[in-house]
């Protein structure tokens, strides 16, 4: 049995946390633009509205957690190589990180005009895409919706950017059909994040490889 390289694991975990913090800065900017939810949350909103949830489950956050767990469990069976400890970390820390960013940024950005909100939306999508690629490049896992796109991309040998657009459009349309609300931000996010992430991957992979190089040299 191969011994665990704890130094490498710690560096990968730090890379994941940095990427997660960056990605959720992007999510927060996106949300503060007030131009619509991201495709995954439109899906959650639709499921929340369409199904008769018991009282203890009847909140957006709890439905979000349940759907994330279901996705993780399905992929654990269908594509188990993609489900790692980082996915659990993303699920556990995503909400608190967004809450912290919103607390810090809302006073300064919550009262912007239309042009400012449009700029927040685009900046949020780009920052989200870069942070997301750092998380994936840490090779410890990914967020639930990213995990779907990564798994399909690897299994079908298709570019991540195209796969992510297809997944986001499917999430948004399904959520809308179930009663979720589509906004201009949802559409922009669905078609911008995937291609931007595809462009960011070479940079994020180099950064993560640079972080690990010292460990490999010492090993």
N, C-alpha and C. Protein backbone atom coordinates (compact mmCIF):
# COMPACT_ATOMS: atom_id res chain seq x y z
N UNK A 1 0.84 -1.20 0.00
CA UNK A 1 0.00 0.00 0.00
C UNK A 1 0.88 1.25 0.00
N UNK A 2 0.59 2.17 -0.92
CA UNK A 2 1.41 3.37 -1.05
C UNK A 2 1.22 4.30 0.14
N UNK A 3 2.33 4.78 0.70
CA UNK A 3 2.26 5.69 1.85
C UNK A 3 1.71 7.04 1.42
N UNK A 4 0.96 7.66 2.30
CA UNK A 4 0.40 8.97 2.02
C UNK A 4 1.48 10.03 2.14
N UNK A 5 1.60 10.86 1.13
CA UNK A 5 2.52 11.99 1.18
C UNK A 5 1.77 13.17 1.80
N UNK A 6 1.96 13.35 3.11
CA UNK A 6 1.17 14.33 3.84
C UNK A 6 1.48 15.76 3.40
N UNK A 7 2.73 16.04 3.06
CA UNK A 7 3.07 17.38 2.60
C UNK A 7 2.33 17.71 1.30
N UNK A 8 2.32 16.75 0.38
CA UNK A 8 1.61 16.95 -0.87
C UNK A 8 0.11 17.15 -0.62
N UNK A 9 -0.44 16.34 0.29
CA UNK A 9 -1.87 16.43 0.60
C UNK A 9 -2.22 17.80 1.18
N UNK A 10 -1.35 18.31 2.07
CA UNK A 10 -1.59 19.63 2.67
C UNK A 10 -1.56 20.71 1.60
N UNK A 11 -0.57 20.64 0.69
CA UNK A 11 -0.46 21.64 -0.36
C UNK A 11 -1.68 21.60 -1.28
N UNK A 12 -2.12 20.39 -1.63
CA UNK A 12 -3.31 20.26 -2.47
C UNK A 12 -4.54 20.83 -1.75
N UNK A 13 -4.63 20.59 -0.44
CA UNK A 13 -5.77 21.11 0.33
C UNK A 13 -5.75 22.63 0.36
N UNK A 14 -4.55 23.21 0.52
CA UNK A 14 -4.43 24.68 0.50
C UNK A 14 -4.84 25.22 -0.87
N UNK A 15 -4.40 24.56 -1.92
CA UNK A 15 -4.78 24.98 -3.28
C UNK A 15 -6.29 24.93 -3.45
N UNK A 16 -6.90 23.86 -2.97
CA UNK A 16 -8.36 23.73 -3.07
C UNK A 16 -9.06 24.85 -2.32
N UNK A 17 -8.61 25.15 -1.10
CA UNK A 17 -9.24 26.20 -0.29
C UNK A 17 -9.07 27.58 -0.93
N UNK A 18 -7.90 27.82 -1.52
CA UNK A 18 -7.68 29.09 -2.22
C UNK A 18 -8.63 29.19 -3.42
N UNK A 19 -8.71 28.11 -4.19
CA UNK A 19 -9.61 28.10 -5.34
C UNK A 19 -11.06 28.26 -4.94
N UNK A 20 -11.43 27.59 -3.84
CA UNK A 20 -12.81 27.67 -3.35
C UNK A 20 -13.14 29.10 -2.92
N UNK A 21 -12.20 29.76 -2.25
CA UNK A 21 -12.41 31.14 -1.81
C UNK A 21 -12.56 32.08 -3.01
N UNK A 22 -11.69 31.88 -4.03
CA UNK A 22 -11.79 32.70 -5.25
C UNK A 22 -13.12 32.45 -5.96
N UNK A 23 -13.47 31.17 -6.12
CA UNK A 23 -14.70 30.82 -6.83
C UNK A 23 -15.92 31.43 -6.16
N UNK A 24 -15.94 31.39 -4.83
CA UNK A 24 -17.11 31.91 -4.13
C UNK A 24 -17.10 33.43 -4.01
N UNK A 25 -15.94 34.06 -4.21
CA UNK A 25 -15.93 35.50 -4.43
C UNK A 25 -16.69 35.80 -5.72
N UNK A 26 -16.42 35.01 -6.76
CA UNK A 26 -17.14 35.17 -8.02
C UNK A 26 -18.63 34.95 -7.86
N UNK A 27 -19.00 33.90 -7.12
CA UNK A 27 -20.43 33.63 -6.88
C UNK A 27 -21.08 34.81 -6.17
N UNK A 28 -20.38 35.38 -5.18
CA UNK A 28 -20.93 36.50 -4.41
C UNK A 28 -21.12 37.72 -5.29
N UNK A 29 -20.14 38.04 -6.13
CA UNK A 29 -20.27 39.16 -7.06
C UNK A 29 -21.46 38.93 -7.99
N UNK A 30 -21.58 37.70 -8.47
CA UNK A 30 -22.69 37.32 -9.34
C UNK A 30 -24.02 37.57 -8.63
N UNK A 31 -24.13 37.12 -7.38
CA UNK A 31 -25.38 37.28 -6.63
C UNK A 31 -25.67 38.75 -6.32
N UNK A 32 -24.63 39.53 -6.02
CA UNK A 32 -24.82 40.96 -5.72
C UNK A 32 -25.24 41.74 -6.96
N UNK A 33 -25.00 41.20 -8.15
CA UNK A 33 -25.48 41.87 -9.36
C UNK A 33 -27.00 41.85 -9.43
N UNK A 34 -27.62 40.92 -8.71
CA UNK A 34 -29.07 40.82 -8.65
C UNK A 34 -29.71 40.64 -10.03
N UNK A 35 -29.00 39.91 -10.90
CA UNK A 35 -29.50 39.70 -12.27
C UNK A 35 -29.89 38.24 -12.52
N UNK A 36 -30.02 37.45 -11.45
CA UNK A 36 -30.45 36.06 -11.62
C UNK A 36 -29.54 35.10 -10.89
N UNK A 37 -30.04 33.92 -10.64
CA UNK A 37 -29.26 32.88 -9.98
C UNK A 37 -28.44 32.09 -10.99
N UNK A 38 -27.39 31.42 -10.52
CA UNK A 38 -26.63 30.54 -11.40
C UNK A 38 -27.50 29.33 -11.76
N UNK A 39 -27.18 28.61 -12.86
CA UNK A 39 -28.04 27.52 -13.32
C UNK A 39 -28.32 26.45 -12.28
N UNK A 40 -27.32 26.09 -11.46
CA UNK A 40 -27.54 25.05 -10.47
C UNK A 40 -28.59 25.49 -9.45
N UNK A 41 -28.54 26.75 -9.04
CA UNK A 41 -29.50 27.24 -8.06
C UNK A 41 -30.88 27.44 -8.66
N UNK A 42 -30.98 27.69 -9.97
CA UNK A 42 -32.29 27.71 -10.63
C UNK A 42 -32.90 26.32 -10.57
N UNK A 43 -32.07 25.29 -10.78
CA UNK A 43 -32.54 23.91 -10.65
C UNK A 43 -33.05 23.64 -9.23
N UNK A 44 -32.28 24.05 -8.23
CA UNK A 44 -32.70 23.85 -6.84
C UNK A 44 -33.99 24.60 -6.55
N UNK A 45 -34.08 25.83 -7.05
CA UNK A 45 -35.29 26.64 -6.85
C UNK A 45 -36.51 25.94 -7.45
N UNK A 46 -36.34 25.40 -8.67
CA UNK A 46 -37.44 24.68 -9.31
C UNK A 46 -37.86 23.44 -8.54
N UNK A 47 -36.87 22.66 -8.09
CA UNK A 47 -37.18 21.46 -7.30
C UNK A 47 -37.86 21.83 -5.99
N UNK A 48 -37.40 22.90 -5.37
CA UNK A 48 -37.99 23.35 -4.11
C UNK A 48 -39.46 23.72 -4.29
N UNK A 49 -39.77 24.38 -5.41
CA UNK A 49 -41.14 24.83 -5.65
C UNK A 49 -42.05 23.70 -6.15
N UNK A 50 -41.48 22.76 -6.89
CA UNK A 50 -42.31 21.77 -7.57
C UNK A 50 -42.66 20.56 -6.71
N UNK A 51 -41.87 20.26 -5.70
CA UNK A 51 -42.07 19.03 -4.94
C UNK A 51 -42.60 19.30 -3.55
N UNK A 52 -43.43 18.39 -3.02
CA UNK A 52 -44.00 18.56 -1.67
C UNK A 52 -43.02 18.12 -0.59
N UNK A 53 -42.10 18.98 -0.22
CA UNK A 53 -41.08 18.64 0.75
C UNK A 53 -41.67 18.62 2.16
N UNK A 54 -41.21 17.69 3.01
CA UNK A 54 -41.62 17.74 4.42
C UNK A 54 -41.09 19.01 5.08
N UNK A 55 -41.70 19.38 6.20
CA UNK A 55 -41.38 20.66 6.84
C UNK A 55 -39.89 20.81 7.16
N UNK A 56 -39.24 19.71 7.60
CA UNK A 56 -37.83 19.83 7.98
C UNK A 56 -36.90 19.99 6.78
N UNK A 57 -37.44 19.77 5.55
CA UNK A 57 -36.62 19.91 4.34
C UNK A 57 -37.01 21.13 3.51
N UNK A 58 -38.02 21.85 3.93
CA UNK A 58 -38.61 22.87 3.06
C UNK A 58 -37.87 24.20 3.10
N UNK A 59 -36.59 24.17 2.77
CA UNK A 59 -35.82 25.41 2.55
C UNK A 59 -34.91 25.20 1.34
N UNK A 60 -34.57 26.29 0.70
CA UNK A 60 -33.69 26.21 -0.47
C UNK A 60 -32.36 25.56 -0.11
N UNK A 61 -31.78 25.98 1.02
CA UNK A 61 -30.47 25.47 1.42
C UNK A 61 -30.47 23.97 1.67
N UNK A 62 -31.53 23.46 2.29
CA UNK A 62 -31.59 22.03 2.58
C UNK A 62 -31.81 21.20 1.31
N UNK A 63 -32.62 21.73 0.40
CA UNK A 63 -32.80 21.04 -0.88
C UNK A 63 -31.48 21.05 -1.65
N UNK A 64 -30.75 22.17 -1.59
CA UNK A 64 -29.44 22.29 -2.25
C UNK A 64 -28.50 21.22 -1.72
N UNK A 65 -28.46 21.06 -0.40
CA UNK A 65 -27.58 20.07 0.21
C UNK A 65 -27.98 18.65 -0.21
N UNK A 66 -29.29 18.37 -0.21
CA UNK A 66 -29.77 17.04 -0.59
C UNK A 66 -29.40 16.71 -2.03
N UNK A 67 -29.65 17.66 -2.94
CA UNK A 67 -29.34 17.42 -4.36
C UNK A 67 -27.83 17.22 -4.54
N UNK A 68 -27.03 18.01 -3.83
CA UNK A 68 -25.58 17.86 -3.90
C UNK A 68 -25.15 16.47 -3.44
N UNK A 69 -25.75 16.00 -2.36
CA UNK A 69 -25.43 14.66 -1.85
C UNK A 69 -25.84 13.58 -2.84
N UNK A 70 -27.01 13.75 -3.45
CA UNK A 70 -27.49 12.76 -4.43
C UNK A 70 -26.53 12.71 -5.63
N UNK A 71 -26.13 13.88 -6.13
CA UNK A 71 -25.19 13.93 -7.24
C UNK A 71 -23.88 13.23 -6.88
N UNK A 72 -23.39 13.52 -5.67
CA UNK A 72 -22.14 12.91 -5.23
C UNK A 72 -22.27 11.40 -5.13
N UNK A 73 -23.40 10.91 -4.60
CA UNK A 73 -23.59 9.47 -4.44
C UNK A 73 -23.73 8.78 -5.79
N UNK A 74 -24.46 9.42 -6.72
CA UNK A 74 -24.61 8.83 -8.06
C UNK A 74 -23.25 8.72 -8.75
N UNK A 75 -22.46 9.79 -8.66
CA UNK A 75 -21.14 9.76 -9.29
C UNK A 75 -20.17 8.84 -8.56
N UNK A 76 -20.40 8.65 -7.27
CA UNK A 76 -19.57 7.72 -6.51
C UNK A 76 -19.72 6.31 -7.05
N UNK A 77 -20.93 6.00 -7.53
CA UNK A 77 -21.20 4.68 -8.11
C UNK A 77 -20.80 4.65 -9.58
N UNK A 78 -21.19 5.70 -10.33
CA UNK A 78 -20.99 5.69 -11.78
C UNK A 78 -19.58 6.08 -12.20
N UNK A 79 -18.94 6.97 -11.44
CA UNK A 79 -17.61 7.46 -11.81
C UNK A 79 -16.83 7.76 -10.54
N UNK A 80 -16.61 6.73 -9.75
CA UNK A 80 -16.09 6.91 -8.39
C UNK A 80 -14.72 7.59 -8.33
N UNK A 81 -13.95 7.53 -9.41
CA UNK A 81 -12.64 8.16 -9.39
C UNK A 81 -12.69 9.67 -9.27
N UNK A 82 -13.88 10.27 -9.52
CA UNK A 82 -13.98 11.72 -9.50
C UNK A 82 -14.46 12.27 -8.17
N UNK A 83 -14.99 11.42 -7.30
CA UNK A 83 -15.52 11.87 -6.01
C UNK A 83 -14.42 11.71 -4.96
N UNK A 84 -13.95 12.83 -4.44
CA UNK A 84 -12.85 12.82 -3.48
C UNK A 84 -13.21 13.69 -2.29
N UNK A 85 -12.33 13.73 -1.31
CA UNK A 85 -12.58 14.48 -0.08
C UNK A 85 -12.83 15.96 -0.36
N UNK A 86 -12.23 16.49 -1.43
CA UNK A 86 -12.43 17.89 -1.76
C UNK A 86 -13.86 18.23 -2.08
N UNK A 87 -14.62 17.27 -2.61
CA UNK A 87 -16.03 17.51 -2.90
C UNK A 87 -16.80 17.76 -1.61
N UNK A 88 -16.49 16.99 -0.59
CA UNK A 88 -17.14 17.17 0.72
C UNK A 88 -16.75 18.53 1.31
N UNK A 89 -15.48 18.91 1.15
CA UNK A 89 -15.02 20.21 1.65
C UNK A 89 -15.77 21.34 0.94
N UNK A 90 -15.92 21.21 -0.38
CA UNK A 90 -16.65 22.24 -1.14
C UNK A 90 -18.09 22.36 -0.66
N UNK A 91 -18.73 21.22 -0.41
CA UNK A 91 -20.12 21.23 0.05
C UNK A 91 -20.23 21.86 1.44
N UNK A 92 -19.27 21.57 2.30
CA UNK A 92 -19.35 22.04 3.69
C UNK A 92 -19.01 23.52 3.82
N UNK A 93 -18.05 24.01 3.01
CA UNK A 93 -17.54 25.37 3.20
C UNK A 93 -18.11 26.39 2.23
N UNK A 94 -18.75 25.94 1.16
CA UNK A 94 -19.23 26.87 0.14
C UNK A 94 -20.16 27.94 0.69
N UNK A 95 -21.18 27.52 1.42
CA UNK A 95 -22.15 28.47 1.97
C UNK A 95 -21.54 29.48 2.92
N UNK A 96 -20.76 29.03 3.94
CA UNK A 96 -20.12 30.00 4.85
C UNK A 96 -19.19 30.98 4.15
N UNK A 97 -18.46 30.53 3.12
CA UNK A 97 -17.56 31.43 2.40
C UNK A 97 -18.36 32.52 1.68
N UNK A 98 -19.48 32.12 1.05
CA UNK A 98 -20.33 33.11 0.37
C UNK A 98 -20.89 34.10 1.39
N UNK A 99 -21.33 33.60 2.54
CA UNK A 99 -21.87 34.48 3.57
C UNK A 99 -20.82 35.51 4.01
N UNK A 100 -19.56 35.06 4.16
CA UNK A 100 -18.49 35.97 4.58
C UNK A 100 -18.21 37.02 3.51
N UNK A 101 -18.10 36.59 2.25
CA UNK A 101 -17.86 37.54 1.16
C UNK A 101 -19.01 38.55 1.06
N UNK A 102 -20.24 38.06 1.22
CA UNK A 102 -21.39 38.96 1.11
C UNK A 102 -21.37 39.99 2.23
N UNK A 103 -21.01 39.56 3.43
CA UNK A 103 -20.91 40.49 4.57
C UNK A 103 -19.88 41.58 4.30
N UNK A 104 -18.77 41.20 3.66
CA UNK A 104 -17.69 42.16 3.39
C UNK A 104 -18.01 43.08 2.21
N UNK A 105 -18.69 42.55 1.19
CA UNK A 105 -18.84 43.28 -0.06
C UNK A 105 -20.18 43.99 -0.24
N UNK A 106 -21.22 43.48 0.41
CA UNK A 106 -22.55 44.04 0.19
C UNK A 106 -22.63 45.54 0.50
N UNK A 107 -22.01 46.03 1.60
CA UNK A 107 -22.11 47.47 1.88
C UNK A 107 -21.56 48.34 0.75
N UNK A 108 -20.52 47.86 0.06
CA UNK A 108 -19.90 48.67 -0.99
C UNK A 108 -20.53 48.45 -2.36
N UNK A 109 -21.06 47.25 -2.59
CA UNK A 109 -21.51 46.90 -3.95
C UNK A 109 -23.02 46.71 -4.07
N UNK A 110 -23.73 46.79 -2.96
CA UNK A 110 -25.16 46.49 -2.99
C UNK A 110 -26.04 47.56 -3.59
N UNK A 111 -25.49 48.75 -3.89
CA UNK A 111 -26.32 49.84 -4.39
C UNK A 111 -25.85 50.36 -5.75
N UNK A 112 -25.27 49.50 -6.56
CA UNK A 112 -24.78 49.91 -7.88
C UNK A 112 -25.92 50.07 -8.87
N UNK A 113 -25.68 50.89 -9.89
CA UNK A 113 -26.64 51.07 -10.95
C UNK A 113 -26.58 49.94 -11.96
N UNK A 114 -27.38 50.01 -13.04
CA UNK A 114 -27.43 48.94 -14.05
C UNK A 114 -26.08 48.57 -14.65
N UNK A 115 -25.28 49.59 -15.01
CA UNK A 115 -23.97 49.30 -15.61
C UNK A 115 -23.06 48.59 -14.61
N UNK A 116 -23.09 49.04 -13.36
CA UNK A 116 -22.28 48.41 -12.32
C UNK A 116 -22.70 46.98 -12.07
N UNK A 117 -24.00 46.74 -12.09
CA UNK A 117 -24.50 45.37 -11.88
C UNK A 117 -24.09 44.45 -13.03
N UNK A 118 -24.14 44.97 -14.25
CA UNK A 118 -23.71 44.18 -15.40
C UNK A 118 -22.23 43.83 -15.29
N UNK A 119 -21.43 44.81 -14.85
CA UNK A 119 -19.99 44.56 -14.67
C UNK A 119 -19.75 43.54 -13.57
N UNK A 120 -20.53 43.62 -12.48
CA UNK A 120 -20.42 42.63 -11.40
C UNK A 120 -20.73 41.23 -11.91
N UNK A 121 -21.76 41.13 -12.74
CA UNK A 121 -22.16 39.83 -13.28
C UNK A 121 -21.03 39.20 -14.08
N UNK A 122 -20.46 39.96 -15.01
CA UNK A 122 -19.40 39.42 -15.86
C UNK A 122 -18.16 39.10 -15.03
N UNK A 123 -17.77 40.05 -14.14
CA UNK A 123 -16.61 39.81 -13.28
C UNK A 123 -16.83 38.58 -12.40
N UNK A 124 -18.03 38.44 -11.87
CA UNK A 124 -18.33 37.28 -11.03
C UNK A 124 -18.19 35.98 -11.79
N UNK A 125 -18.69 35.94 -13.02
CA UNK A 125 -18.59 34.71 -13.82
C UNK A 125 -17.14 34.35 -14.12
N UNK A 126 -16.33 35.36 -14.47
CA UNK A 126 -14.92 35.11 -14.80
C UNK A 126 -14.14 34.65 -13.56
N UNK A 127 -14.35 35.34 -12.43
CA UNK A 127 -13.66 34.96 -11.19
C UNK A 127 -14.11 33.58 -10.73
N UNK A 128 -15.40 33.30 -10.83
CA UNK A 128 -15.91 31.96 -10.51
C UNK A 128 -15.23 30.90 -11.35
N UNK A 129 -15.12 31.16 -12.66
CA UNK A 129 -14.51 30.17 -13.56
C UNK A 129 -13.06 29.90 -13.18
N UNK A 130 -12.29 30.97 -12.88
CA UNK A 130 -10.89 30.76 -12.52
C UNK A 130 -10.76 30.00 -11.20
N UNK A 131 -11.51 30.41 -10.18
CA UNK A 131 -11.44 29.71 -8.90
C UNK A 131 -11.82 28.25 -9.02
N UNK A 132 -12.83 28.00 -9.84
CA UNK A 132 -13.30 26.64 -10.06
C UNK A 132 -12.20 25.77 -10.68
N UNK A 133 -11.43 26.34 -11.62
CA UNK A 133 -10.37 25.55 -12.25
C UNK A 133 -9.23 25.28 -11.27
N UNK A 134 -8.98 26.21 -10.33
CA UNK A 134 -7.96 25.95 -9.31
C UNK A 134 -8.41 24.81 -8.41
N UNK A 135 -9.67 24.81 -8.03
CA UNK A 135 -10.21 23.71 -7.21
C UNK A 135 -10.03 22.38 -7.93
N UNK A 136 -10.43 22.33 -9.19
CA UNK A 136 -10.33 21.08 -9.96
C UNK A 136 -8.87 20.67 -10.15
N UNK A 137 -7.99 21.67 -10.39
CA UNK A 137 -6.57 21.38 -10.63
C UNK A 137 -5.85 20.91 -9.37
N UNK A 138 -6.43 21.19 -8.19
CA UNK A 138 -5.83 20.67 -6.95
C UNK A 138 -5.92 19.15 -6.88
N UNK A 139 -6.80 18.58 -7.70
CA UNK A 139 -6.98 17.13 -7.81
C UNK A 139 -7.46 16.50 -6.50
N UNK A 140 -8.21 17.28 -5.72
CA UNK A 140 -8.82 16.73 -4.51
C UNK A 140 -10.34 16.61 -4.62
N UNK A 141 -10.87 17.05 -5.75
CA UNK A 141 -12.32 17.00 -5.92
C UNK A 141 -12.83 18.28 -6.54
N UNK A 142 -14.15 18.46 -6.51
CA UNK A 142 -14.77 19.65 -7.09
C UNK A 142 -16.15 19.82 -6.48
N UNK A 143 -16.74 20.99 -6.71
CA UNK A 143 -18.10 21.22 -6.26
C UNK A 143 -19.07 20.27 -6.98
N UNK A 144 -20.26 20.06 -6.42
CA UNK A 144 -21.20 19.08 -7.00
C UNK A 144 -21.53 19.31 -8.48
N UNK A 145 -21.86 20.56 -8.86
CA UNK A 145 -22.20 20.81 -10.26
C UNK A 145 -20.96 20.75 -11.15
N UNK A 146 -19.81 21.22 -10.63
CA UNK A 146 -18.56 21.09 -11.40
C UNK A 146 -18.21 19.62 -11.60
N UNK A 147 -18.50 18.82 -10.59
CA UNK A 147 -18.19 17.40 -10.63
C UNK A 147 -18.92 16.71 -11.78
N UNK A 148 -20.17 17.11 -12.01
CA UNK A 148 -20.94 16.54 -13.12
C UNK A 148 -20.25 16.85 -14.45
N UNK A 149 -19.87 18.11 -14.64
CA UNK A 149 -19.23 18.51 -15.90
C UNK A 149 -17.87 17.83 -16.08
N UNK A 150 -17.07 17.78 -15.00
CA UNK A 150 -15.76 17.13 -15.07
C UNK A 150 -15.91 15.65 -15.42
N UNK A 151 -16.83 14.98 -14.76
CA UNK A 151 -17.02 13.54 -14.98
C UNK A 151 -17.44 13.26 -16.42
N UNK A 152 -18.44 14.01 -16.91
CA UNK A 152 -18.91 13.81 -18.28
C UNK A 152 -17.81 14.12 -19.28
N UNK A 153 -17.07 15.21 -19.02
CA UNK A 153 -15.99 15.60 -19.92
C UNK A 153 -14.94 14.50 -20.03
N UNK A 154 -14.55 13.93 -18.88
CA UNK A 154 -13.53 12.88 -18.88
C UNK A 154 -14.05 11.57 -19.48
N UNK A 155 -15.28 11.22 -19.16
CA UNK A 155 -15.83 9.95 -19.66
C UNK A 155 -16.04 9.99 -21.17
N UNK A 156 -16.57 11.12 -21.69
CA UNK A 156 -16.87 11.23 -23.12
C UNK A 156 -15.69 11.79 -23.92
N UNK A 157 -14.62 12.19 -23.21
CA UNK A 157 -13.43 12.77 -23.86
C UNK A 157 -13.79 14.02 -24.66
N UNK A 158 -14.60 14.88 -24.05
CA UNK A 158 -15.02 16.13 -24.67
C UNK A 158 -14.41 17.31 -23.90
N UNK A 159 -14.22 18.45 -24.58
CA UNK A 159 -13.67 19.63 -23.88
C UNK A 159 -14.55 20.04 -22.72
N UNK A 160 -13.92 20.43 -21.62
CA UNK A 160 -14.67 20.81 -20.43
C UNK A 160 -15.60 21.99 -20.70
N UNK A 161 -15.14 22.98 -21.47
CA UNK A 161 -15.95 24.17 -21.71
C UNK A 161 -17.29 23.83 -22.33
N UNK A 162 -17.29 22.98 -23.35
CA UNK A 162 -18.54 22.59 -24.02
C UNK A 162 -19.41 21.80 -23.07
N UNK A 163 -18.81 20.87 -22.34
CA UNK A 163 -19.57 20.03 -21.41
C UNK A 163 -20.21 20.87 -20.33
N UNK A 164 -19.47 21.84 -19.80
CA UNK A 164 -20.00 22.69 -18.74
C UNK A 164 -21.19 23.51 -19.25
N UNK A 165 -21.10 24.04 -20.47
CA UNK A 165 -22.23 24.79 -21.04
C UNK A 165 -23.46 23.88 -21.14
N UNK A 166 -23.27 22.66 -21.62
CA UNK A 166 -24.40 21.73 -21.76
C UNK A 166 -25.02 21.41 -20.40
N UNK A 167 -24.18 21.18 -19.39
CA UNK A 167 -24.69 20.88 -18.04
C UNK A 167 -25.44 22.09 -17.48
N UNK A 168 -24.87 23.29 -17.62
CA UNK A 168 -25.52 24.49 -17.09
C UNK A 168 -26.85 24.76 -17.78
N UNK A 169 -26.89 24.62 -19.10
CA UNK A 169 -28.14 24.84 -19.83
C UNK A 169 -29.18 23.82 -19.39
N UNK A 170 -28.77 22.56 -19.22
CA UNK A 170 -29.70 21.51 -18.78
C UNK A 170 -30.24 21.82 -17.39
N UNK A 171 -29.36 22.25 -16.47
CA UNK A 171 -29.80 22.62 -15.12
C UNK A 171 -30.80 23.78 -15.17
N UNK A 172 -30.45 24.82 -15.93
CA UNK A 172 -31.30 26.02 -15.98
C UNK A 172 -32.66 25.72 -16.59
N UNK A 173 -32.68 24.98 -17.69
CA UNK A 173 -33.96 24.67 -18.35
C UNK A 173 -34.84 23.78 -17.48
N UNK A 174 -34.22 22.79 -16.85
CA UNK A 174 -34.98 21.91 -15.97
C UNK A 174 -35.57 22.69 -14.80
N UNK A 175 -34.74 23.54 -14.18
CA UNK A 175 -35.24 24.36 -13.08
C UNK A 175 -36.36 25.29 -13.51
N UNK A 176 -36.21 25.90 -14.68
CA UNK A 176 -37.25 26.80 -15.20
C UNK A 176 -38.55 26.06 -15.46
N UNK A 177 -38.47 24.87 -16.05
CA UNK A 177 -39.67 24.07 -16.31
C UNK A 177 -40.37 23.65 -15.02
N UNK A 178 -39.59 23.52 -13.94
CA UNK A 178 -40.17 23.15 -12.65
C UNK A 178 -40.67 24.35 -11.85
N UNK A 179 -40.45 25.56 -12.37
CA UNK A 179 -40.95 26.75 -11.68
C UNK A 179 -39.88 27.70 -11.18
N UNK A 180 -38.62 27.41 -11.47
CA UNK A 180 -37.56 28.33 -11.10
C UNK A 180 -37.56 29.57 -11.99
N UNK A 181 -36.85 30.60 -11.57
CA UNK A 181 -36.84 31.87 -12.29
C UNK A 181 -35.52 32.04 -13.03
N UNK A 182 -35.63 32.21 -14.36
CA UNK A 182 -34.44 32.51 -15.16
C UNK A 182 -34.24 34.02 -15.23
N UNK A 183 -33.01 34.46 -15.04
CA UNK A 183 -32.67 35.86 -15.21
C UNK A 183 -31.59 35.99 -16.26
N UNK A 184 -31.31 37.23 -16.65
CA UNK A 184 -30.26 37.43 -17.64
C UNK A 184 -28.92 36.90 -17.12
N UNK A 185 -28.73 36.99 -15.80
CA UNK A 185 -27.50 36.46 -15.21
C UNK A 185 -27.37 34.96 -15.37
N UNK A 186 -28.50 34.27 -15.30
CA UNK A 186 -28.49 32.81 -15.48
C UNK A 186 -27.99 32.45 -16.87
N UNK A 187 -28.51 33.17 -17.87
CA UNK A 187 -28.13 32.90 -19.26
C UNK A 187 -26.65 33.21 -19.49
N UNK A 188 -26.22 34.38 -18.99
CA UNK A 188 -24.81 34.76 -19.14
C UNK A 188 -23.91 33.72 -18.47
N UNK A 189 -24.27 33.32 -17.26
CA UNK A 189 -23.48 32.33 -16.51
C UNK A 189 -23.40 31.01 -17.26
N UNK A 190 -24.54 30.57 -17.80
CA UNK A 190 -24.59 29.27 -18.48
C UNK A 190 -23.66 29.22 -19.68
N UNK A 191 -23.52 30.34 -20.40
CA UNK A 191 -22.72 30.33 -21.62
C UNK A 191 -21.32 30.93 -21.46
N UNK A 192 -21.05 31.56 -20.31
CA UNK A 192 -19.74 32.21 -20.12
C UNK A 192 -18.78 31.42 -19.25
N UNK A 193 -19.29 30.77 -18.18
CA UNK A 193 -18.41 30.14 -17.21
C UNK A 193 -17.62 28.99 -17.83
N UNK A 194 -18.27 28.11 -18.57
CA UNK A 194 -17.58 26.95 -19.15
C UNK A 194 -16.44 27.34 -20.07
N UNK A 195 -16.69 28.17 -21.11
CA UNK A 195 -15.58 28.58 -21.99
C UNK A 195 -14.47 29.34 -21.27
N UNK A 196 -14.86 30.19 -20.29
CA UNK A 196 -13.83 30.91 -19.52
C UNK A 196 -12.97 29.94 -18.72
N UNK A 197 -13.61 28.95 -18.11
CA UNK A 197 -12.86 27.94 -17.36
C UNK A 197 -11.90 27.19 -18.27
N UNK A 198 -12.34 26.88 -19.49
CA UNK A 198 -11.48 26.17 -20.43
C UNK A 198 -10.21 26.99 -20.70
N UNK A 199 -10.35 28.31 -20.79
CA UNK A 199 -9.20 29.18 -21.00
C UNK A 199 -8.32 29.29 -19.75
N UNK A 200 -8.94 29.18 -18.57
CA UNK A 200 -8.21 29.34 -17.31
C UNK A 200 -7.44 28.09 -16.89
N UNK A 201 -7.85 26.92 -17.37
CA UNK A 201 -7.24 25.67 -16.92
C UNK A 201 -5.71 25.63 -17.07
N UNK A 202 -5.15 26.05 -18.20
CA UNK A 202 -3.68 25.99 -18.31
C UNK A 202 -2.98 26.79 -17.22
N UNK A 203 -3.52 27.97 -16.88
CA UNK A 203 -2.91 28.81 -15.85
C UNK A 203 -3.05 28.16 -14.48
N UNK A 204 -4.26 27.70 -14.15
CA UNK A 204 -4.49 27.12 -12.82
C UNK A 204 -3.69 25.83 -12.63
N UNK A 205 -3.54 25.05 -13.69
CA UNK A 205 -2.76 23.81 -13.58
C UNK A 205 -1.28 24.12 -13.36
N UNK A 206 -0.78 25.15 -14.04
CA UNK A 206 0.62 25.55 -13.82
C UNK A 206 0.83 26.03 -12.40
N UNK A 207 -0.12 26.82 -11.89
CA UNK A 207 0.00 27.32 -10.52
C UNK A 207 -0.01 26.18 -9.51
N UNK A 208 -0.92 25.22 -9.69
CA UNK A 208 -0.99 24.09 -8.76
C UNK A 208 0.25 23.21 -8.88
N UNK A 209 0.75 23.02 -10.11
CA UNK A 209 1.96 22.22 -10.30
C UNK A 209 3.17 22.91 -9.66
N UNK A 210 3.22 24.24 -9.75
CA UNK A 210 4.30 24.99 -9.12
C UNK A 210 4.27 24.80 -7.60
N UNK A 211 3.07 24.78 -7.02
CA UNK A 211 2.94 24.58 -5.58
C UNK A 211 3.43 23.21 -5.13
N UNK A 212 3.28 22.22 -6.02
CA UNK A 212 3.68 20.85 -5.66
C UNK A 212 5.14 20.55 -6.00
N UNK A 213 5.76 21.40 -6.79
CA UNK A 213 7.10 21.10 -7.29
C UNK A 213 8.11 20.94 -6.16
N UNK A 214 8.01 21.80 -5.17
CA UNK A 214 8.94 21.71 -4.04
C UNK A 214 8.84 20.40 -3.30
N UNK A 215 7.62 19.89 -3.13
CA UNK A 215 7.41 18.60 -2.45
C UNK A 215 8.03 17.48 -3.26
N UNK A 216 7.81 17.50 -4.59
CA UNK A 216 8.33 16.44 -5.44
C UNK A 216 9.86 16.45 -5.43
N UNK A 217 10.45 17.66 -5.45
CA UNK A 217 11.91 17.73 -5.46
C UNK A 217 12.52 17.19 -4.16
N UNK A 218 11.84 17.49 -3.04
CA UNK A 218 12.33 16.99 -1.76
C UNK A 218 12.14 15.49 -1.63
N UNK A 219 11.05 15.00 -2.30
CA UNK A 219 10.81 13.56 -2.25
C UNK A 219 11.85 12.81 -3.04
